[in-house]
Amino acid sequence: MQEPTIRVGIMYEKEISFELNGIYTLKQNGQAYSGKQVIKYQDNKIVFDGAVFDSEKFIFTPQNYKNSSFDLADVTIGIKFHWERKENQSFKGSLHFLCENDKLSAINVLKLEDYLASVISSEMKATSSMELLKAHAIISRSWLMAQVLKGEAIQFSEQTYQSTSETSNEIIKWYDREDHQNFNVCADDHCQRYQGITRQSNQAVLKAIEDTKGLVLVSDGAICDARFSKCCGGVSETFENVWEPKPHKYLQAITDSSNSALKYDLKNEAEASNWIKNSPDVFCNTNDKTILSQVLNDYDMETPDFFRWKIRYTQDELSELVNRKTGKNFGKIIDLIPIERGLSGRIIKLKIIGEKLSFTIGKELEIRKVLSESHLYSSNFILVRENDSTDFILKGAGWGHGVGLCQIGAAVMGANGYSHKEILLHYFKGASLEKRY
């Protein structure tokens, strides 16, 4: 097969300012444009250059793909995470504007390998070890191609895709990428970070992309849905405990060490508590600033306590937060009780007990959303209550969902001389590499 072209959702606003660095042709009217532009949403139409357009063919295509770029102003990154902020970003490829959800969606259309060069520099710093860069190029390529195939399968399926089940006393919900109907993936942490050529790739990144071009992880002939997170906290989680209940044999729970066999039953509350309270000797347990500065972007470095962390709420603070986030009237929150933990210790189902209501929520990201203004670092936590205090102290492990590759752990492996293949097969058991284009 040839190198695919993909569609990436970048930003969603009523009005978007952008600049075309080069000559671009607008498919809608065949005219050429360059320089600074402004586009507005109005009654499901696009207002641009003194005229009103439909959005189906509102695509700016560069006359010179290699040497042209476009800038988008005030792109929100880290949406609803604790590092959320806006920045101006630059991109290669074409720019498609669509009207959806009473806003404009700005979609970048470009070649897959160009997309990867940015992803690697957006998800981590381009100064990471070559073996880590190669490993991440392969998993990012694999994940993207798997999502494209999954999206096509959902689109042509006669069955409605369900990601929520709710009863009178429980809601179980997971967040994947099937809500992106008009593009393959989004540009933020919801999918994988893509910030265009703003995170300028260096020669090491370009070499990692070129050396692995077309290489993907496969299992039983199918491209692997190769997930990754910042820090697994010592044990990775299974796919089905975080997303849809469909096991992937290459996305299993492992200990993040040279001996990857599971050593503890972290589904057990006592063992999970002991695990979280301690500091096990695993790859991702590192304070090496040289390694961390290579794998974490500047705003990620604002999060120093990713391996083991603690957060404290007063009863009033937690009660207000949970009532607001769930839209339910719990009254004062009395207790948080884990109903089910995954193999990494992450809570899959959490029972919230209030004075007026008891209700169970899951899966892990729903729990993280409800218990934080942005996102709790992970759902792998225990509740600690001090003697006479009504405060809720959450002590936790890891940063992110914990499925697949652990970026901090992989960075340590790369720094310690492991090859990209060894890194990949550590986290994706039983998978193999295959060149697809």
Protein backbone atom coordinates (compact mmCIF):
# COMPACT_ATOMS: atom_id res chain seq x y z
CA MET A 1 0.00 0.00 0.00
CA GLN A 2 1.01 3.63 -0.43
CA GLU A 3 1.62 6.08 2.39
CA PRO A 4 -1.83 7.13 3.66
CA THR A 5 -3.14 10.69 3.83
CA ILE A 6 -4.90 11.48 7.11
CA ARG A 7 -7.25 14.06 8.57
CA VAL A 8 -6.49 15.60 11.99
CA GLY A 9 -8.95 17.81 13.91
CA ILE A 10 -6.99 20.77 15.30
CA MET A 11 -9.38 23.36 16.81
CA TYR A 12 -13.07 24.23 17.18
CA GLU A 13 -14.17 27.87 17.43
CA LYS A 14 -16.79 30.35 16.17
CA GLU A 15 -14.04 32.45 14.60
CA ILE A 16 -10.53 31.39 13.56
CA SER A 17 -7.58 33.53 12.51
CA PHE A 18 -5.00 31.85 10.29
CA GLU A 19 -2.11 32.71 8.01
CA LEU A 20 -1.15 30.98 4.76
CA ASN A 21 2.62 30.87 4.31
CA GLY A 22 2.73 30.25 0.59
CA ILE A 23 0.09 30.19 -2.13
CA TYR A 24 -2.97 28.08 -1.38
CA THR A 25 -5.89 27.29 -3.69
CA LEU A 26 -9.40 27.26 -2.19
CA LYS A 27 -11.25 24.31 -3.69
CA GLN A 28 -14.63 26.02 -3.16
CA ASN A 29 -13.97 28.81 -5.67
CA GLY A 30 -10.63 27.96 -7.32
CA GLN A 31 -9.02 31.21 -6.17
CA ALA A 32 -5.50 31.56 -4.77
CA TYR A 33 -4.88 32.98 -1.28
CA SER A 34 -1.87 33.86 0.83
CA GLY A 35 -1.16 35.75 4.05
CA LYS A 36 -3.40 36.53 7.02
CA GLN A 37 -7.06 35.45 6.94
CA VAL A 38 -10.12 35.32 9.21
CA ILE A 39 -13.00 32.87 8.94
CA LYS A 40 -16.30 32.97 10.85
CA TYR A 41 -19.18 30.59 11.59
CA GLN A 42 -22.71 31.83 10.84
CA ASP A 43 -25.88 29.69 10.76
CA ASN A 44 -24.06 26.53 9.63
CA LYS A 45 -22.27 28.47 6.89
CA ILE A 46 -18.75 29.87 6.50
CA VAL A 47 -18.21 33.62 6.19
CA PHE A 48 -14.91 34.34 4.42
CA ASP A 49 -13.52 37.07 2.19
CA GLY A 50 -16.84 38.92 2.09
CA ALA A 51 -18.84 35.89 0.95
CA VAL A 52 -20.83 33.00 2.47
CA PHE A 53 -19.87 29.39 1.66
CA ASP A 54 -20.89 25.81 2.38
CA SER A 55 -18.17 23.85 4.16
CA GLU A 56 -18.05 20.61 2.19
CA LYS A 57 -15.32 21.80 -0.20
CA PHE A 58 -13.84 24.60 1.89
CA ILE A 59 -10.29 23.30 1.60
CA PHE A 60 -7.09 25.32 1.20
CA THR A 61 -4.51 23.22 -0.68
CA PRO A 62 -0.88 24.37 -0.98
CA GLN A 63 0.45 24.75 -4.49
CA ASN A 64 3.84 23.63 -3.10
CA TYR A 65 3.31 20.96 -0.39
CA LYS A 66 6.96 20.75 0.67
CA ASN A 67 7.70 24.44 1.16
CA SER A 68 4.33 25.79 2.33
CA SER A 69 2.73 25.92 5.76
CA PHE A 70 -0.17 27.57 7.55
CA ASP A 71 -0.49 29.06 11.04
CA LEU A 72 -3.50 28.77 13.34
CA ALA A 73 -3.87 31.26 16.20
CA ASP A 74 -4.88 30.37 19.77
CA VAL A 75 -5.04 26.59 19.46
CA THR A 76 -6.07 25.05 22.79
CA ILE A 77 -3.79 22.23 23.95
CA GLY A 78 -4.29 19.94 26.95
CA ILE A 79 -8.06 20.39 26.68
CA LYS A 80 -9.58 20.02 30.17
CA PHE A 81 -6.27 18.76 31.59
CA HIS A 82 -4.37 20.60 34.31
CA TRP A 83 -1.87 22.04 31.78
CA GLU A 84 -4.52 23.46 29.41
CA ARG A 85 -3.37 26.58 27.54
CA LYS A 86 -3.45 28.26 24.14
CA GLU A 87 -0.62 28.58 21.64
CA ASN A 88 -0.10 29.54 18.02
CA GLN A 89 0.80 26.56 15.83
CA SER A 90 2.08 25.91 12.29
CA PHE A 91 1.21 22.99 10.01
CA LYS A 92 2.12 21.36 6.72
CA GLY A 93 -0.47 20.10 4.26
CA SER A 94 -4.00 21.27 3.47
CA LEU A 95 -6.50 23.09 5.71
CA HIS A 96 -10.17 22.05 5.66
CA PHE A 97 -12.84 24.02 7.54
CA LEU A 98 -16.12 22.32 8.46
CA CYS A 99 -19.25 23.49 10.24
CA GLU A 100 -20.19 21.14 13.07
CA ASN A 101 -21.66 21.49 16.56
CA ASP A 102 -22.35 25.22 15.96
CA LYS A 103 -18.64 25.93 15.45
CA LEU A 104 -15.93 25.74 12.84
CA SER A 105 -13.63 22.73 12.89
CA ALA A 106 -10.15 23.28 11.47
CA ILE A 107 -8.83 20.02 10.00
CA ASN A 108 -5.28 19.41 8.81
CA VAL A 109 -4.97 17.01 5.84
CA LEU A 110 -1.43 15.68 5.35
CA LYS A 111 0.77 12.66 4.73
CA LEU A 112 1.03 10.15 7.57
CA GLU A 113 4.83 10.31 7.94
CA ASP A 114 4.75 14.13 8.19
CA TYR A 115 2.13 13.74 10.91
CA LEU A 116 4.39 11.35 12.80
CA ALA A 117 7.36 13.74 12.76
CA SER A 118 5.24 16.19 14.73
CA VAL A 119 3.65 13.61 17.04
CA ILE A 120 7.00 12.38 18.26
CA SER A 121 8.14 15.93 18.98
CA SER A 122 4.77 16.81 20.56
CA GLU A 123 4.43 13.75 22.77
CA MET A 124 8.03 14.10 23.96
CA LYS A 125 11.15 16.11 23.23
CA ALA A 126 13.06 15.42 20.06
CA THR A 127 16.21 14.99 22.17
CA SER A 128 15.07 11.56 23.43
CA SER A 129 17.26 8.54 22.70
CA MET A 130 17.17 7.24 19.12
CA GLU A 131 15.75 3.88 20.20
CA LEU A 132 12.89 5.55 22.08
CA LEU A 133 12.17 7.77 19.07
CA LYS A 134 12.04 4.73 16.80
CA ALA A 135 9.79 2.85 19.21
CA HIS A 136 7.43 5.81 19.48
CA ALA A 137 7.36 6.28 15.71
CA ILE A 138 6.23 2.68 15.33
CA ILE A 139 3.54 2.76 18.01
CA SER A 140 2.20 6.14 16.87
CA ARG A 141 2.01 4.88 13.29
CA SER A 142 0.38 1.63 14.41
CA TRP A 143 -2.14 3.37 16.65
CA LEU A 144 -3.15 5.83 13.95
CA MET A 145 -3.62 3.20 11.25
CA ALA A 146 -5.60 1.04 13.69
CA GLN A 147 -7.86 4.01 14.46
CA VAL A 148 -8.48 4.69 10.77
CA LEU A 149 -9.48 1.06 10.25
CA LYS A 150 -11.63 1.08 13.38
CA GLY A 151 -13.35 4.28 12.29
CA GLU A 152 -14.15 2.77 8.91
CA ALA A 153 -15.51 -0.37 10.56
CA ILE A 154 -17.74 1.69 12.87
CA GLN A 155 -18.94 3.81 9.95
CA PHE A 156 -20.00 0.82 7.88
CA SER A 157 -21.31 -1.28 10.76
CA GLU A 158 -25.05 -1.77 11.10
CA GLN A 159 -24.71 -1.70 14.87
CA THR A 160 -24.61 1.55 16.87
CA TYR A 161 -21.34 1.93 18.77
CA GLN A 162 -22.00 2.20 22.51
CA SER A 163 -19.50 3.63 24.99
CA THR A 164 -21.90 4.23 27.90
CA SER A 165 -24.12 1.98 30.00
CA GLU A 166 -26.28 3.55 32.69
CA THR A 167 -28.75 2.34 35.30
CA SER A 168 -30.44 4.08 38.21
CA ASN A 169 -27.40 3.51 40.44
CA GLU A 170 -24.44 3.23 38.05
CA ILE A 171 -22.84 4.78 34.97
CA ILE A 172 -19.99 3.06 33.14
CA LYS A 173 -18.45 5.17 30.41
CA TRP A 174 -15.25 5.16 28.42
CA TYR A 175 -13.77 7.78 26.14
CA ASP A 176 -12.18 6.69 22.88
CA ARG A 177 -12.01 8.37 19.46
CA GLU A 178 -15.23 7.23 17.81
CA ASP A 179 -16.84 10.62 18.42
CA HIS A 180 -14.63 12.05 15.65
CA GLN A 181 -16.89 11.65 12.64
CA ASN A 182 -15.28 14.06 10.18
CA PHE A 183 -11.61 13.35 10.77
CA ASN A 184 -9.44 10.36 11.68
CA VAL A 185 -8.00 11.68 14.96
CA CYS A 186 -7.87 14.88 17.00
CA ALA A 187 -4.67 16.75 17.79
CA ASP A 188 -4.86 16.67 21.59
CA ASP A 189 -4.25 14.19 24.42
CA HIS A 190 -7.68 12.64 23.75
CA CYS A 191 -5.97 10.92 20.80
CA GLN A 192 -2.24 11.66 20.64
CA ARG A 193 -0.54 15.02 20.79
CA TYR A 194 -0.02 16.61 17.40
CA GLN A 195 1.13 20.22 17.32
CA GLY A 196 2.23 20.55 13.71
CA ILE A 197 5.68 21.85 12.92
CA THR A 198 5.45 24.12 16.00
CA ARG A 199 7.44 21.48 17.88
CA GLN A 200 10.22 21.64 15.31
CA SER A 201 11.55 18.17 14.54
CA ASN A 202 15.32 17.73 14.55
CA GLN A 203 17.41 15.38 12.45
CA ALA A 204 17.16 12.61 15.05
CA VAL A 205 13.36 12.60 14.79
CA LEU A 206 13.45 12.63 10.99
CA LYS A 207 15.96 9.75 11.02
CA ALA A 208 13.75 7.74 13.40
CA ILE A 209 10.78 8.29 11.08
CA GLU A 210 12.76 7.40 7.95
CA ASP A 211 14.43 4.32 9.48
CA THR A 212 11.05 2.91 10.53
CA LYS A 213 8.96 4.11 7.56
CA GLY A 214 5.88 1.93 7.08
CA LEU A 215 6.73 -0.28 10.08
CA VAL A 216 3.84 -1.21 12.37
CA LEU A 217 3.16 -3.58 15.24
CA VAL A 218 0.93 -6.48 14.26
CA SER A 219 -0.80 -9.31 16.09
CA ASP A 220 -2.55 -12.18 14.28
CA GLY A 221 -2.10 -10.25 11.02
CA ALA A 222 -3.93 -7.13 12.27
CA ILE A 223 -2.30 -3.77 13.05
CA CYS A 224 -2.06 -3.30 16.81
CA ASP A 225 -4.07 -0.64 18.58
CA ALA A 226 -0.81 0.47 20.20
CA ARG A 227 -1.78 2.62 23.20
CA PHE A 228 0.60 4.57 25.43
CA SER A 229 0.52 6.81 28.49
CA LYS A 230 2.97 9.00 30.41
CA CYS A 231 3.66 6.76 33.41
CA CYS A 232 2.08 3.40 34.27
CA GLY A 233 3.11 3.70 37.93
CA GLY A 234 4.89 0.33 37.84
CA VAL A 235 2.28 -1.97 36.29
CA SER A 236 0.47 -1.48 32.99
CA GLU A 237 -3.29 -1.97 32.60
CA THR A 238 -5.31 -4.11 30.20
CA PHE A 239 -7.24 -2.54 27.31
CA GLU A 240 -10.64 -3.87 28.33
CA ASN A 241 -10.44 -2.33 31.80
CA VAL A 242 -10.07 1.15 30.32
CA TRP A 243 -12.01 1.10 27.06
CA GLU A 244 -14.49 -1.24 25.40
CA PRO A 245 -14.73 -4.76 26.89
CA LYS A 246 -12.75 -6.37 24.09
CA PRO A 247 -9.46 -7.96 25.22
CA HIS A 248 -6.33 -7.35 23.12
CA LYS A 249 -3.78 -10.04 23.84
CA TYR A 250 -0.87 -7.64 23.18
CA LEU A 251 -2.25 -5.06 25.66
CA GLN A 252 -1.94 -6.96 28.90
CA ALA A 253 -0.79 -6.04 32.39
CA ILE A 254 2.97 -6.28 32.93
CA THR A 255 5.40 -5.15 35.60
CA ASP A 256 7.54 -2.33 34.20
CA SER A 257 10.87 -4.01 34.92
CA SER A 258 13.28 -6.44 33.25
CA ASN A 259 11.20 -9.25 34.74
CA SER A 260 7.78 -8.23 33.42
CA ALA A 261 5.78 -10.97 35.17
CA LEU A 262 3.09 -9.70 37.55
CA LYS A 263 4.32 -9.99 41.13
CA TYR A 264 1.28 -8.73 43.04
CA ASP A 265 -2.48 -9.10 42.95
CA LEU A 266 -3.35 -5.43 42.68
CA LYS A 267 -7.04 -6.20 42.26
CA ASN A 268 -6.83 -6.95 45.98
CA GLU A 269 -7.42 -3.83 48.07
CA ALA A 270 -4.72 -4.56 50.67
CA GLU A 271 -2.04 -5.31 48.06
CA ALA A 272 -3.04 -2.28 45.98
CA SER A 273 -2.72 -0.09 49.07
CA ASN A 274 0.73 -1.48 49.90
CA TRP A 275 1.86 -1.02 46.27
CA ILE A 276 0.74 2.61 46.11
CA LYS A 277 2.30 3.48 49.47
CA ASN A 278 5.70 2.14 48.39
CA SER A 279 8.26 3.01 45.73
CA PRO A 280 9.01 -0.17 43.76
CA ASP A 281 12.11 -0.61 41.62
CA VAL A 282 10.65 -0.32 38.11
CA PHE A 283 11.72 1.47 34.94
CA CYS A 284 9.31 4.40 35.31
CA ASN A 285 10.36 5.14 38.89
CA THR A 286 13.00 7.73 38.07
CA ASN A 287 14.00 11.22 39.16
CA ASP A 288 16.74 11.45 36.52
CA LYS A 289 16.19 14.98 35.22
CA THR A 290 18.29 14.30 32.14
CA ILE A 291 15.96 11.49 31.06
CA LEU A 292 12.81 13.31 32.13
CA SER A 293 13.81 16.49 30.29
CA GLN A 294 14.21 14.43 27.12
CA VAL A 295 10.83 12.73 27.25
CA LEU A 296 8.70 15.51 28.79
CA ASN A 297 7.84 18.79 27.12
CA ASP A 298 8.18 21.99 29.15
CA TYR A 299 4.56 21.98 30.35
CA ASP A 300 4.84 18.29 31.26
CA MET A 301 7.78 19.15 33.51
CA GLU A 302 5.30 21.15 35.60
CA THR A 303 4.09 17.74 36.85
CA PRO A 304 6.97 16.43 39.01
CA ASP A 305 5.06 13.83 41.04
CA PHE A 306 3.89 11.54 38.27
CA PHE A 307 5.07 8.23 39.81
CA ARG A 308 3.52 8.62 43.27
CA TRP A 309 1.25 11.54 44.09
CA LYS A 310 -1.13 12.90 46.74
CA ILE A 311 -4.09 15.26 46.67
CA ARG A 312 -6.20 16.50 49.58
CA TYR A 313 -9.81 17.74 49.55
CA THR A 314 -11.87 19.05 52.41
CA GLN A 315 -15.26 17.36 52.63
CA ASP A 316 -16.91 20.53 51.39
CA GLU A 317 -14.50 20.85 48.45
CA LEU A 318 -14.99 17.24 47.36
CA SER A 319 -18.76 17.39 47.82
CA GLU A 320 -19.08 20.54 45.71
CA LEU A 321 -16.81 19.09 43.03
CA VAL A 322 -18.56 15.71 42.75
CA ASN A 323 -22.06 17.18 42.81
CA ARG A 324 -21.12 19.65 40.07
CA LYS A 325 -19.21 17.20 37.89
CA THR A 326 -21.84 14.44 38.02
CA GLY A 327 -24.89 16.69 37.98
CA LYS A 328 -26.30 14.61 40.84
CA ASN A 329 -27.28 15.60 44.37
CA PHE A 330 -25.14 13.48 46.68
CA GLY A 331 -25.27 16.00 49.49
CA LYS A 332 -22.08 15.79 51.54
CA ILE A 333 -19.73 13.05 50.36
CA ILE A 334 -19.18 10.49 53.11
CA ASP A 335 -16.98 7.87 51.44
CA LEU A 336 -15.32 6.66 48.22
CA ILE A 337 -15.27 2.87 47.90
CA PRO A 338 -13.42 0.98 45.14
CA ILE A 339 -15.77 -1.69 43.77
CA GLU A 340 -13.38 -3.09 41.19
CA ARG A 341 -9.69 -2.60 40.43
CA GLY A 342 -7.78 -3.62 37.32
CA LEU A 343 -4.56 -5.62 37.27
CA SER A 344 -2.50 -2.42 37.68
CA GLY A 345 -4.53 -1.35 40.70
CA ARG A 346 -6.46 1.26 38.72
CA ILE A 347 -10.02 1.63 39.93
CA ILE A 348 -12.46 0.51 37.25
CA LYS A 349 -15.59 1.07 39.31
CA LEU A 350 -15.87 3.54 42.21
CA LYS A 351 -18.86 3.84 44.54
CA ILE A 352 -19.49 7.38 45.75
CA ILE A 353 -21.46 7.49 49.00
CA GLY A 354 -23.19 10.73 49.93
CA GLU A 355 -25.73 11.73 52.56
CA LYS A 356 -28.49 11.74 49.96
CA LEU A 357 -27.27 9.34 47.26
CA SER A 358 -24.96 6.42 46.59
CA PHE A 359 -23.86 5.96 42.99
CA THR A 360 -21.18 3.96 41.13
CA ILE A 361 -19.08 5.44 38.31
CA GLY A 362 -16.51 4.04 35.85
CA LYS A 363 -14.36 3.51 33.87
CA GLU A 364 -11.02 5.06 34.77
CA LEU A 365 -11.27 8.35 32.88
CA GLU A 366 -14.79 9.03 34.14
CA ILE A 367 -13.46 8.58 37.68
CA ARG A 368 -10.55 10.94 36.96
CA LYS A 369 -12.89 13.56 35.51
CA VAL A 370 -15.30 13.50 38.46
CA LEU A 371 -12.60 13.72 41.14
CA SER A 372 -10.71 16.69 39.69
CA GLU A 373 -11.30 20.08 38.12
CA SER A 374 -9.35 18.77 35.12
CA HIS A 375 -8.26 15.13 35.29
CA LEU A 376 -6.91 13.22 38.28
CA TYR A 377 -3.44 11.93 37.38
CA SER A 378 -4.80 8.37 37.32
CA SER A 379 -7.53 6.22 38.85
CA ASN A 380 -4.89 4.17 40.66
CA PHE A 381 -5.36 5.57 44.16
CA ILE A 382 -6.35 4.78 47.73
CA LEU A 383 -8.34 6.92 50.15
CA VAL A 384 -6.55 7.86 53.38
CA ARG A 385 -8.50 9.33 56.28
CA GLU A 386 -6.75 10.99 59.20
CA ASN A 387 -8.00 10.42 62.76
CA ASP A 388 -10.32 13.34 63.48
CA SER A 389 -10.30 14.98 60.07
CA THR A 390 -13.12 14.88 57.53
CA ASP A 391 -10.61 15.59 54.75
CA PHE A 392 -10.27 13.16 51.84
CA ILE A 393 -6.63 12.36 51.01
CA LEU A 394 -6.07 10.49 47.75
CA LYS A 395 -2.69 8.79 47.38
CA GLY A 396 -2.05 7.54 43.88
CA ALA A 397 0.30 5.98 41.35
CA GLY A 398 1.04 6.83 37.74
CA TRP A 399 -0.04 9.43 35.21
CA GLY A 400 -2.57 8.39 32.58
CA HIS A 401 -4.53 5.27 31.71
CA GLY A 402 -1.50 2.97 31.92
CA VAL A 403 -2.31 0.83 28.86
CA GLY A 404 0.48 -0.21 26.49
CA LEU A 405 3.77 1.65 26.38
CA CYS A 406 4.80 3.66 29.45
CA GLN A 407 6.62 6.70 28.06
CA ILE A 408 8.72 7.34 31.18
CA GLY A 409 9.60 3.65 31.47
CA ALA A 410 10.44 3.44 27.76
CA ALA A 411 12.66 6.53 28.11
CA VAL A 412 14.59 4.84 30.91
CA MET A 413 14.90 1.67 28.83
CA GLY A 414 16.24 3.68 25.89
CA ALA A 415 18.75 5.45 28.12
CA ASN A 416 19.86 2.07 29.48
CA GLY A 417 20.69 0.66 26.06
CA TYR A 418 17.56 -1.31 25.14
CA SER A 419 16.78 -1.42 21.42
CA HIS A 420 13.50 -0.11 20.01
CA LYS A 421 12.39 -3.68 19.33
CA GLU A 422 13.16 -4.73 22.92
CA ILE A 423 11.22 -1.71 24.22
CA LEU A 424 8.20 -2.53 22.04
CA LEU A 425 8.10 -6.23 22.86
CA HIS A 426 8.40 -5.43 26.58
CA TYR A 427 5.14 -3.47 26.49
CA PHE A 428 3.31 -5.25 23.64
CA LYS A 429 3.64 -8.93 24.44
CA GLY A 430 3.50 -11.33 21.51
CA ALA A 431 3.38 -8.60 18.86
CA SER A 432 5.75 -8.43 15.90
CA LEU A 433 6.97 -5.80 13.42
CA GLU A 434 5.77 -5.68 9.83
CA LYS A 435 6.39 -3.19 7.01
CA ARG A 436 3.09 -2.10 5.43
CA TYR A 437 4.36 0.50 2.93
